[in-house]
N, C-alpha and C. Protein backbone atom coordinates (compact mmCIF):
# COMPACT_ATOMS: atom_id res chain seq x y z
N MET A 1 0.84 -1.18 0.00
CA MET A 1 0.00 0.00 0.00
C MET A 1 0.89 1.24 0.00
N ASP A 2 0.52 2.20 -0.77
CA ASP A 2 1.24 3.48 -0.83
C ASP A 2 0.83 4.32 0.38
N THR A 3 1.74 4.50 1.33
CA THR A 3 1.41 5.22 2.56
C THR A 3 1.13 6.70 2.31
N VAL A 4 1.75 7.28 1.30
CA VAL A 4 1.47 8.69 0.98
C VAL A 4 0.04 8.83 0.49
N VAL A 5 -0.38 7.95 -0.41
CA VAL A 5 -1.76 8.01 -0.92
C VAL A 5 -2.74 7.76 0.22
N ALA A 6 -2.47 6.78 1.08
CA ALA A 6 -3.36 6.47 2.20
C ALA A 6 -3.50 7.68 3.14
N ALA A 7 -2.39 8.33 3.46
CA ALA A 7 -2.44 9.50 4.35
C ALA A 7 -3.21 10.64 3.70
N ARG A 8 -2.99 10.86 2.43
CA ARG A 8 -3.69 11.94 1.72
C ARG A 8 -5.18 11.61 1.53
N PHE A 9 -5.48 10.33 1.37
CA PHE A 9 -6.87 9.89 1.27
C PHE A 9 -7.62 10.24 2.56
N LYS A 10 -7.02 9.90 3.71
CA LYS A 10 -7.64 10.22 5.00
C LYS A 10 -7.79 11.73 5.16
N ALA A 11 -6.76 12.48 4.79
CA ALA A 11 -6.81 13.94 4.89
C ALA A 11 -7.92 14.51 4.00
N ALA A 12 -8.08 13.94 2.82
CA ALA A 12 -9.13 14.42 1.90
C ALA A 12 -10.51 14.24 2.52
N PHE A 13 -10.77 13.08 3.11
CA PHE A 13 -12.09 12.84 3.67
C PHE A 13 -12.32 13.56 4.99
N ARG A 14 -11.26 13.95 5.69
CA ARG A 14 -11.44 14.80 6.87
C ARG A 14 -11.95 16.18 6.45
N ARG A 15 -11.68 16.58 5.23
CA ARG A 15 -12.13 17.88 4.72
C ARG A 15 -13.56 17.83 4.18
N TYR A 16 -14.14 16.65 4.11
CA TYR A 16 -15.45 16.45 3.50
C TYR A 16 -16.49 16.20 4.59
N PRO A 17 -17.41 17.14 4.84
CA PRO A 17 -18.41 16.94 5.90
C PRO A 17 -19.43 15.88 5.50
N THR A 18 -19.87 15.11 6.49
CA THR A 18 -20.87 14.07 6.25
C THR A 18 -21.91 14.10 7.36
N GLY A 19 -23.06 13.51 7.08
CA GLY A 19 -24.08 13.33 8.10
C GLY A 19 -23.64 12.27 9.10
N VAL A 20 -24.38 12.16 10.19
CA VAL A 20 -24.02 11.23 11.27
C VAL A 20 -25.23 10.34 11.58
N ALA A 21 -24.96 9.06 11.75
CA ALA A 21 -26.01 8.10 12.08
C ALA A 21 -25.49 7.15 13.15
N VAL A 22 -26.41 6.54 13.87
CA VAL A 22 -26.07 5.40 14.71
C VAL A 22 -26.76 4.19 14.09
N ILE A 23 -25.95 3.20 13.75
CA ILE A 23 -26.44 1.93 13.23
C ILE A 23 -26.64 1.04 14.46
N ALA A 24 -27.84 0.45 14.59
CA ALA A 24 -28.14 -0.34 15.78
C ALA A 24 -28.81 -1.65 15.37
N ALA A 25 -28.59 -2.68 16.19
CA ALA A 25 -29.19 -3.99 15.94
C ALA A 25 -29.37 -4.71 17.27
N ALA A 26 -30.18 -5.74 17.25
CA ALA A 26 -30.33 -6.61 18.41
C ALA A 26 -29.24 -7.67 18.31
N GLY A 27 -28.29 -7.63 19.24
CA GLY A 27 -27.21 -8.61 19.26
C GLY A 27 -27.56 -9.80 20.12
N PRO A 28 -26.73 -10.82 20.14
CA PRO A 28 -27.01 -12.01 20.94
C PRO A 28 -27.01 -11.75 22.44
N HIS A 29 -26.37 -10.67 22.89
CA HIS A 29 -26.30 -10.35 24.31
C HIS A 29 -26.93 -8.99 24.62
N GLY A 30 -27.82 -8.53 23.76
CA GLY A 30 -28.46 -7.24 23.94
C GLY A 30 -28.19 -6.33 22.76
N PRO A 31 -28.71 -5.10 22.81
CA PRO A 31 -28.55 -4.21 21.67
C PRO A 31 -27.10 -3.80 21.46
N VAL A 32 -26.74 -3.58 20.19
CA VAL A 32 -25.40 -3.13 19.80
C VAL A 32 -25.55 -1.96 18.85
N GLY A 33 -24.54 -1.09 18.83
CA GLY A 33 -24.61 0.03 17.92
C GLY A 33 -23.28 0.72 17.76
N LEU A 34 -23.21 1.54 16.72
CA LEU A 34 -21.99 2.28 16.43
C LEU A 34 -22.34 3.54 15.65
N THR A 35 -21.51 4.55 15.79
CA THR A 35 -21.67 5.77 15.02
C THR A 35 -21.08 5.57 13.64
N ALA A 36 -21.79 6.07 12.63
CA ALA A 36 -21.31 5.95 11.24
C ALA A 36 -21.51 7.28 10.52
N SER A 37 -20.51 7.63 9.74
CA SER A 37 -20.63 8.82 8.89
C SER A 37 -20.57 8.41 7.42
N SER A 38 -20.81 7.14 7.15
CA SER A 38 -20.70 6.62 5.78
C SER A 38 -22.03 6.25 5.16
N VAL A 39 -23.15 6.63 5.79
CA VAL A 39 -24.46 6.26 5.28
C VAL A 39 -24.75 7.03 3.99
N ALA A 40 -25.24 6.31 2.98
CA ALA A 40 -25.59 6.94 1.70
C ALA A 40 -26.84 6.29 1.13
N SER A 41 -27.64 7.08 0.47
CA SER A 41 -28.78 6.57 -0.28
C SER A 41 -28.25 5.83 -1.51
N VAL A 42 -28.81 4.66 -1.77
CA VAL A 42 -28.39 3.88 -2.94
C VAL A 42 -29.47 3.88 -4.01
N SER A 43 -30.72 3.70 -3.58
CA SER A 43 -31.82 3.60 -4.52
C SER A 43 -33.11 4.07 -3.86
N ALA A 44 -33.97 4.74 -4.61
CA ALA A 44 -35.28 5.12 -4.10
C ALA A 44 -36.33 4.06 -4.46
N ASP A 45 -36.07 3.28 -5.52
CA ASP A 45 -37.01 2.27 -5.96
C ASP A 45 -36.26 1.03 -6.41
N PRO A 46 -36.07 0.04 -5.55
CA PRO A 46 -36.59 -0.05 -4.19
C PRO A 46 -35.73 0.78 -3.22
N PRO A 47 -36.28 1.20 -2.09
CA PRO A 47 -35.50 1.97 -1.12
C PRO A 47 -34.33 1.15 -0.57
N ALA A 48 -33.12 1.67 -0.73
CA ALA A 48 -31.93 0.99 -0.24
C ALA A 48 -30.89 2.02 0.15
N LEU A 49 -30.03 1.64 1.09
CA LEU A 49 -28.95 2.50 1.54
C LEU A 49 -27.69 1.67 1.72
N SER A 50 -26.59 2.36 1.95
CA SER A 50 -25.33 1.66 2.21
C SER A 50 -24.61 2.35 3.36
N PHE A 51 -23.70 1.62 3.98
CA PHE A 51 -22.79 2.15 4.99
C PHE A 51 -21.62 1.20 5.08
N SER A 52 -20.54 1.67 5.71
CA SER A 52 -19.40 0.79 5.91
C SER A 52 -19.02 0.76 7.37
N VAL A 53 -18.46 -0.36 7.80
CA VAL A 53 -18.02 -0.53 9.18
C VAL A 53 -16.64 -1.17 9.19
N ILE A 54 -15.91 -0.91 10.26
CA ILE A 54 -14.61 -1.55 10.52
C ILE A 54 -14.86 -2.65 11.54
N GLY A 55 -14.07 -3.70 11.55
CA GLY A 55 -14.31 -4.91 12.31
C GLY A 55 -14.29 -4.85 13.83
N SER A 56 -14.96 -3.89 14.46
CA SER A 56 -15.07 -3.84 15.92
C SER A 56 -16.09 -4.89 16.38
N GLY A 57 -16.16 -5.12 17.69
CA GLY A 57 -17.14 -6.06 18.22
C GLY A 57 -18.57 -5.64 17.89
N SER A 58 -18.87 -4.36 18.02
CA SER A 58 -20.21 -3.87 17.68
C SER A 58 -20.48 -4.06 16.19
N ALA A 59 -19.48 -3.76 15.36
CA ALA A 59 -19.66 -3.91 13.91
C ALA A 59 -19.92 -5.36 13.54
N LEU A 60 -19.19 -6.28 14.15
CA LEU A 60 -19.39 -7.70 13.85
C LEU A 60 -20.78 -8.16 14.24
N ALA A 61 -21.30 -7.66 15.37
CA ALA A 61 -22.66 -8.01 15.79
C ALA A 61 -23.69 -7.42 14.84
N VAL A 62 -23.48 -6.18 14.37
CA VAL A 62 -24.38 -5.56 13.39
C VAL A 62 -24.35 -6.38 12.10
N LEU A 63 -23.17 -6.79 11.66
CA LEU A 63 -23.06 -7.56 10.41
C LEU A 63 -23.75 -8.92 10.51
N ALA A 64 -23.83 -9.48 11.70
CA ALA A 64 -24.45 -10.79 11.88
C ALA A 64 -25.97 -10.71 12.07
N ALA A 65 -26.50 -9.53 12.31
CA ALA A 65 -27.92 -9.37 12.62
C ALA A 65 -28.78 -9.47 11.35
N PRO A 66 -29.97 -10.07 11.47
CA PRO A 66 -30.87 -10.15 10.31
C PRO A 66 -31.58 -8.83 10.01
N GLY A 67 -31.60 -7.92 10.98
CA GLY A 67 -32.24 -6.62 10.80
C GLY A 67 -31.48 -5.58 11.59
N LEU A 68 -31.64 -4.31 11.20
CA LEU A 68 -30.92 -3.23 11.87
C LEU A 68 -31.68 -1.93 11.66
N THR A 69 -31.31 -0.92 12.42
CA THR A 69 -31.85 0.41 12.18
C THR A 69 -30.70 1.36 11.89
N VAL A 70 -30.99 2.31 11.01
CA VAL A 70 -30.07 3.40 10.72
C VAL A 70 -30.77 4.65 11.23
N ASN A 71 -30.23 5.21 12.30
CA ASN A 71 -30.83 6.34 12.98
C ASN A 71 -30.07 7.60 12.59
N LEU A 72 -30.69 8.44 11.75
CA LEU A 72 -30.05 9.65 11.25
C LEU A 72 -30.17 10.73 12.33
N LEU A 73 -29.03 11.21 12.81
CA LEU A 73 -29.01 12.07 13.98
C LEU A 73 -29.09 13.55 13.63
N GLY A 74 -29.65 14.30 14.55
CA GLY A 74 -29.72 15.75 14.46
C GLY A 74 -28.92 16.37 15.60
N PRO A 75 -28.98 17.69 15.74
CA PRO A 75 -28.16 18.38 16.74
C PRO A 75 -28.44 17.96 18.18
N ALA A 76 -29.64 17.47 18.46
CA ALA A 76 -29.96 17.04 19.83
C ALA A 76 -29.22 15.75 20.22
N GLN A 77 -28.66 15.05 19.25
CA GLN A 77 -28.00 13.77 19.54
C GLN A 77 -26.48 13.83 19.46
N VAL A 78 -25.87 15.01 19.57
CA VAL A 78 -24.40 15.09 19.46
C VAL A 78 -23.72 14.27 20.56
N ALA A 79 -24.22 14.30 21.78
CA ALA A 79 -23.61 13.51 22.86
C ALA A 79 -23.74 12.02 22.58
N LEU A 80 -24.88 11.61 22.07
CA LEU A 80 -25.10 10.21 21.73
C LEU A 80 -24.15 9.77 20.62
N ALA A 81 -23.94 10.63 19.62
CA ALA A 81 -23.00 10.31 18.54
C ALA A 81 -21.60 10.07 19.11
N ARG A 82 -21.19 10.92 20.04
CA ARG A 82 -19.87 10.76 20.68
C ARG A 82 -19.81 9.46 21.48
N ASP A 83 -20.89 9.16 22.23
CA ASP A 83 -20.91 7.94 23.05
C ASP A 83 -20.75 6.69 22.19
N PHE A 84 -21.44 6.64 21.06
CA PHE A 84 -21.40 5.45 20.21
C PHE A 84 -20.16 5.41 19.32
N ALA A 85 -19.43 6.52 19.25
CA ALA A 85 -18.21 6.58 18.43
C ALA A 85 -16.99 6.06 19.16
N ARG A 86 -17.08 5.94 20.48
CA ARG A 86 -15.89 5.52 21.24
C ARG A 86 -16.17 4.21 21.97
N SER A 87 -15.13 3.42 22.07
CA SER A 87 -15.22 2.15 22.79
C SER A 87 -15.49 2.44 24.27
N GLY A 88 -16.45 1.73 24.83
CA GLY A 88 -16.75 1.88 26.25
C GLY A 88 -17.71 3.01 26.57
N GLY A 89 -18.17 3.76 25.55
CA GLY A 89 -19.12 4.83 25.80
C GLY A 89 -20.47 4.26 26.22
N PRO A 90 -21.25 5.05 26.97
CA PRO A 90 -22.58 4.55 27.38
C PRO A 90 -23.46 4.32 26.16
N ARG A 91 -24.18 3.21 26.18
CA ARG A 91 -25.02 2.85 25.04
C ARG A 91 -26.35 2.30 25.52
N PHE A 92 -27.40 2.72 24.85
CA PHE A 92 -28.75 2.24 25.11
C PHE A 92 -29.19 2.48 26.55
N THR A 93 -28.80 3.62 27.09
CA THR A 93 -29.21 3.98 28.44
C THR A 93 -30.62 4.58 28.39
N PRO A 94 -31.36 4.54 29.50
CA PRO A 94 -32.72 5.09 29.50
C PRO A 94 -32.77 6.57 29.08
N ASP A 95 -31.78 7.37 29.49
CA ASP A 95 -31.82 8.79 29.16
C ASP A 95 -31.50 9.07 27.68
N GLN A 96 -30.99 8.10 26.94
CA GLN A 96 -30.74 8.29 25.51
C GLN A 96 -32.02 8.18 24.67
N GLY A 97 -33.08 7.60 25.24
CA GLY A 97 -34.38 7.59 24.57
C GLY A 97 -34.65 6.46 23.61
N TRP A 98 -33.91 5.36 23.70
CA TRP A 98 -34.10 4.24 22.77
C TRP A 98 -35.41 3.51 23.05
N GLU A 99 -36.01 2.98 21.99
CA GLU A 99 -37.16 2.08 22.09
C GLU A 99 -36.82 0.82 21.30
N THR A 100 -37.56 -0.24 21.55
CA THR A 100 -37.38 -1.48 20.79
C THR A 100 -38.59 -1.68 19.90
N LEU A 101 -38.34 -1.85 18.61
CA LEU A 101 -39.42 -2.09 17.66
C LEU A 101 -40.02 -3.48 17.89
N PRO A 102 -41.26 -3.71 17.48
CA PRO A 102 -41.85 -5.04 17.61
C PRO A 102 -41.02 -6.14 16.94
N THR A 103 -40.22 -5.77 15.94
CA THR A 103 -39.37 -6.73 15.24
C THR A 103 -38.04 -6.96 15.97
N GLY A 104 -37.79 -6.24 17.07
CA GLY A 104 -36.63 -6.48 17.92
C GLY A 104 -35.49 -5.50 17.81
N GLU A 105 -35.45 -4.65 16.76
CA GLU A 105 -34.34 -3.72 16.59
C GLU A 105 -34.51 -2.50 17.50
N PRO A 106 -33.39 -1.97 18.02
CA PRO A 106 -33.46 -0.71 18.76
C PRO A 106 -33.70 0.45 17.78
N MET A 107 -34.51 1.43 18.22
CA MET A 107 -34.84 2.57 17.37
C MET A 107 -34.84 3.82 18.24
N LEU A 108 -34.34 4.91 17.67
CA LEU A 108 -34.24 6.18 18.39
C LEU A 108 -35.33 7.14 17.89
N PRO A 109 -36.47 7.24 18.59
CA PRO A 109 -37.56 8.08 18.11
C PRO A 109 -37.20 9.56 18.01
N GLY A 110 -36.23 10.04 18.77
CA GLY A 110 -35.83 11.44 18.71
C GLY A 110 -34.89 11.77 17.56
N ALA A 111 -34.49 10.77 16.79
CA ALA A 111 -33.61 11.02 15.64
C ALA A 111 -34.39 11.75 14.55
N VAL A 112 -33.69 12.39 13.64
CA VAL A 112 -34.32 13.06 12.50
C VAL A 112 -35.14 12.04 11.71
N ALA A 113 -34.61 10.84 11.57
CA ALA A 113 -35.32 9.72 10.94
C ALA A 113 -34.64 8.43 11.38
N SER A 114 -35.44 7.38 11.47
CA SER A 114 -34.92 6.04 11.74
C SER A 114 -35.44 5.12 10.65
N LEU A 115 -34.54 4.36 10.08
CA LEU A 115 -34.89 3.47 8.98
C LEU A 115 -34.64 2.02 9.40
N ARG A 116 -35.69 1.20 9.39
CA ARG A 116 -35.52 -0.22 9.69
C ARG A 116 -35.14 -0.92 8.40
N CYS A 117 -34.06 -1.69 8.46
CA CYS A 117 -33.47 -2.27 7.26
C CYS A 117 -33.18 -3.75 7.42
N ALA A 118 -33.04 -4.41 6.28
CA ALA A 118 -32.56 -5.78 6.22
C ALA A 118 -31.35 -5.80 5.28
N PRO A 119 -30.26 -6.40 5.70
CA PRO A 119 -29.06 -6.44 4.84
C PRO A 119 -29.32 -7.21 3.54
N LEU A 120 -28.81 -6.65 2.44
CA LEU A 120 -28.88 -7.32 1.14
C LEU A 120 -27.53 -7.90 0.74
N HIS A 121 -26.47 -7.08 0.89
CA HIS A 121 -25.13 -7.47 0.47
C HIS A 121 -24.11 -6.96 1.49
N GLN A 122 -23.07 -7.74 1.67
CA GLN A 122 -21.91 -7.32 2.46
C GLN A 122 -20.67 -7.56 1.59
N VAL A 123 -19.92 -6.49 1.40
CA VAL A 123 -18.74 -6.56 0.53
C VAL A 123 -17.50 -6.21 1.35
N PRO A 124 -16.62 -7.18 1.59
CA PRO A 124 -15.37 -6.86 2.31
C PRO A 124 -14.45 -6.02 1.41
N VAL A 125 -13.91 -4.95 1.98
CA VAL A 125 -12.96 -4.08 1.28
C VAL A 125 -11.86 -3.74 2.28
N GLY A 126 -10.69 -4.31 2.12
CA GLY A 126 -9.62 -4.10 3.09
C GLY A 126 -10.08 -4.55 4.46
N GLY A 127 -9.92 -3.70 5.47
CA GLY A 127 -10.35 -4.01 6.82
C GLY A 127 -11.77 -3.58 7.12
N SER A 128 -12.51 -3.14 6.10
CA SER A 128 -13.88 -2.67 6.28
C SER A 128 -14.85 -3.59 5.54
N THR A 129 -16.14 -3.41 5.86
CA THR A 129 -17.20 -4.10 5.13
C THR A 129 -18.23 -3.07 4.71
N VAL A 130 -18.56 -3.06 3.44
CA VAL A 130 -19.63 -2.20 2.92
C VAL A 130 -20.92 -3.01 2.97
N VAL A 131 -21.94 -2.42 3.55
CA VAL A 131 -23.24 -3.07 3.67
C VAL A 131 -24.24 -2.32 2.79
N VAL A 132 -24.96 -3.06 1.99
CA VAL A 132 -26.10 -2.52 1.25
C VAL A 132 -27.34 -3.16 1.88
N ALA A 133 -28.31 -2.32 2.26
CA ALA A 133 -29.49 -2.82 2.96
C ALA A 133 -30.75 -2.25 2.33
N THR A 134 -31.79 -3.07 2.31
CA THR A 134 -33.09 -2.61 1.86
C THR A 134 -33.81 -1.94 3.03
N VAL A 135 -34.53 -0.87 2.75
CA VAL A 135 -35.26 -0.13 3.78
C VAL A 135 -36.68 -0.67 3.84
N LEU A 136 -37.06 -1.17 5.02
CA LEU A 136 -38.37 -1.79 5.21
C LEU A 136 -39.40 -0.82 5.79
N GLU A 137 -38.95 0.07 6.67
CA GLU A 137 -39.82 1.05 7.30
C GLU A 137 -39.03 2.32 7.54
N VAL A 138 -39.74 3.46 7.51
CA VAL A 138 -39.11 4.75 7.80
C VAL A 138 -39.95 5.45 8.87
N PHE A 139 -39.28 5.87 9.93
CA PHE A 139 -39.92 6.61 11.01
C PHE A 139 -39.32 8.01 11.01
N LEU A 140 -40.15 9.02 10.78
CA LEU A 140 -39.67 10.40 10.76
C LEU A 140 -39.79 11.00 12.15
N GLY A 141 -38.68 11.58 12.62
CA GLY A 141 -38.65 12.23 13.92
C GLY A 141 -38.79 13.73 13.76
N PRO A 142 -38.40 14.47 14.79
CA PRO A 142 -38.53 15.92 14.72
C PRO A 142 -37.57 16.53 13.69
N PRO A 143 -38.07 17.45 12.87
CA PRO A 143 -37.19 18.10 11.89
C PRO A 143 -36.39 19.22 12.54
N GLY A 144 -35.44 19.73 11.80
CA GLY A 144 -34.73 20.91 12.25
C GLY A 144 -33.29 20.66 12.63
N GLY A 145 -32.43 21.46 12.06
CA GLY A 145 -31.02 21.42 12.40
C GLY A 145 -30.30 20.26 11.75
N ARG A 146 -28.97 20.30 11.90
CA ARG A 146 -28.13 19.27 11.31
C ARG A 146 -26.99 18.92 12.27
N LEU A 147 -26.57 17.68 12.15
CA LEU A 147 -25.37 17.21 12.83
C LEU A 147 -24.46 16.65 11.74
N VAL A 148 -23.24 17.20 11.65
CA VAL A 148 -22.30 16.73 10.64
C VAL A 148 -20.97 16.37 11.30
N HIS A 149 -20.27 15.48 10.63
CA HIS A 149 -18.93 15.09 11.05
C HIS A 149 -17.96 15.71 10.06
N HIS A 150 -17.01 16.48 10.58
CA HIS A 150 -16.04 17.16 9.72
C HIS A 150 -14.74 17.33 10.49
N ASP A 151 -13.65 16.94 9.87
CA ASP A 151 -12.32 17.09 10.45
C ASP A 151 -12.23 16.48 11.86
N ARG A 152 -12.77 15.25 11.97
CA ARG A 152 -12.72 14.45 13.21
C ARG A 152 -13.55 15.02 14.35
N ARG A 153 -14.49 15.92 14.05
CA ARG A 153 -15.33 16.51 15.10
C ARG A 153 -16.78 16.53 14.64
N PHE A 154 -17.69 16.55 15.61
CA PHE A 154 -19.11 16.69 15.34
C PHE A 154 -19.46 18.17 15.44
N HIS A 155 -20.27 18.63 14.50
CA HIS A 155 -20.68 20.04 14.46
C HIS A 155 -22.21 20.07 14.33
N THR A 156 -22.83 20.96 15.10
CA THR A 156 -24.29 21.12 15.01
C THR A 156 -24.60 22.42 14.31
N HIS A 157 -25.71 22.41 13.58
CA HIS A 157 -26.18 23.58 12.85
C HIS A 157 -27.69 23.63 13.00
N GLU A 158 -28.19 24.68 13.59
CA GLU A 158 -29.64 24.84 13.72
C GLU A 158 -30.18 25.54 12.50
N ASP A 159 -31.43 25.23 12.13
CA ASP A 159 -32.07 25.93 11.00
C ASP A 159 -32.42 27.34 11.43
């Protein structure tokens, strides 16, 4: 691997702001989740999205789950984004506002939107896995404001 290209690649994407989501699933020992800034719309017909994960314990549990939620975060969830972005951060606590869907996946009603998904494809790429998932249900939360990840930090923007 060309280390110069790899370093410049990382630097390039630090300059590119992205939205923030928490990917959550019901794991074998309880709910699991992680912060992701790689969520992208893939198709509107049929509704599908993609995201990528690195092989952490939470990521492996999400990859093994038959269903998951993609919770698109707004400015009210900046602390939650930080908690799920670091190992050992508090997760699925009562004050974070999580609910469990009848199908078993954790869902964040206070998120800008929560999408219940089923994985379609998993593509290993280096140390990451790209997931393409079909969207089965969409729950719209409160509108307003934005939470973006840029230059290794979370930034909030109110409308």
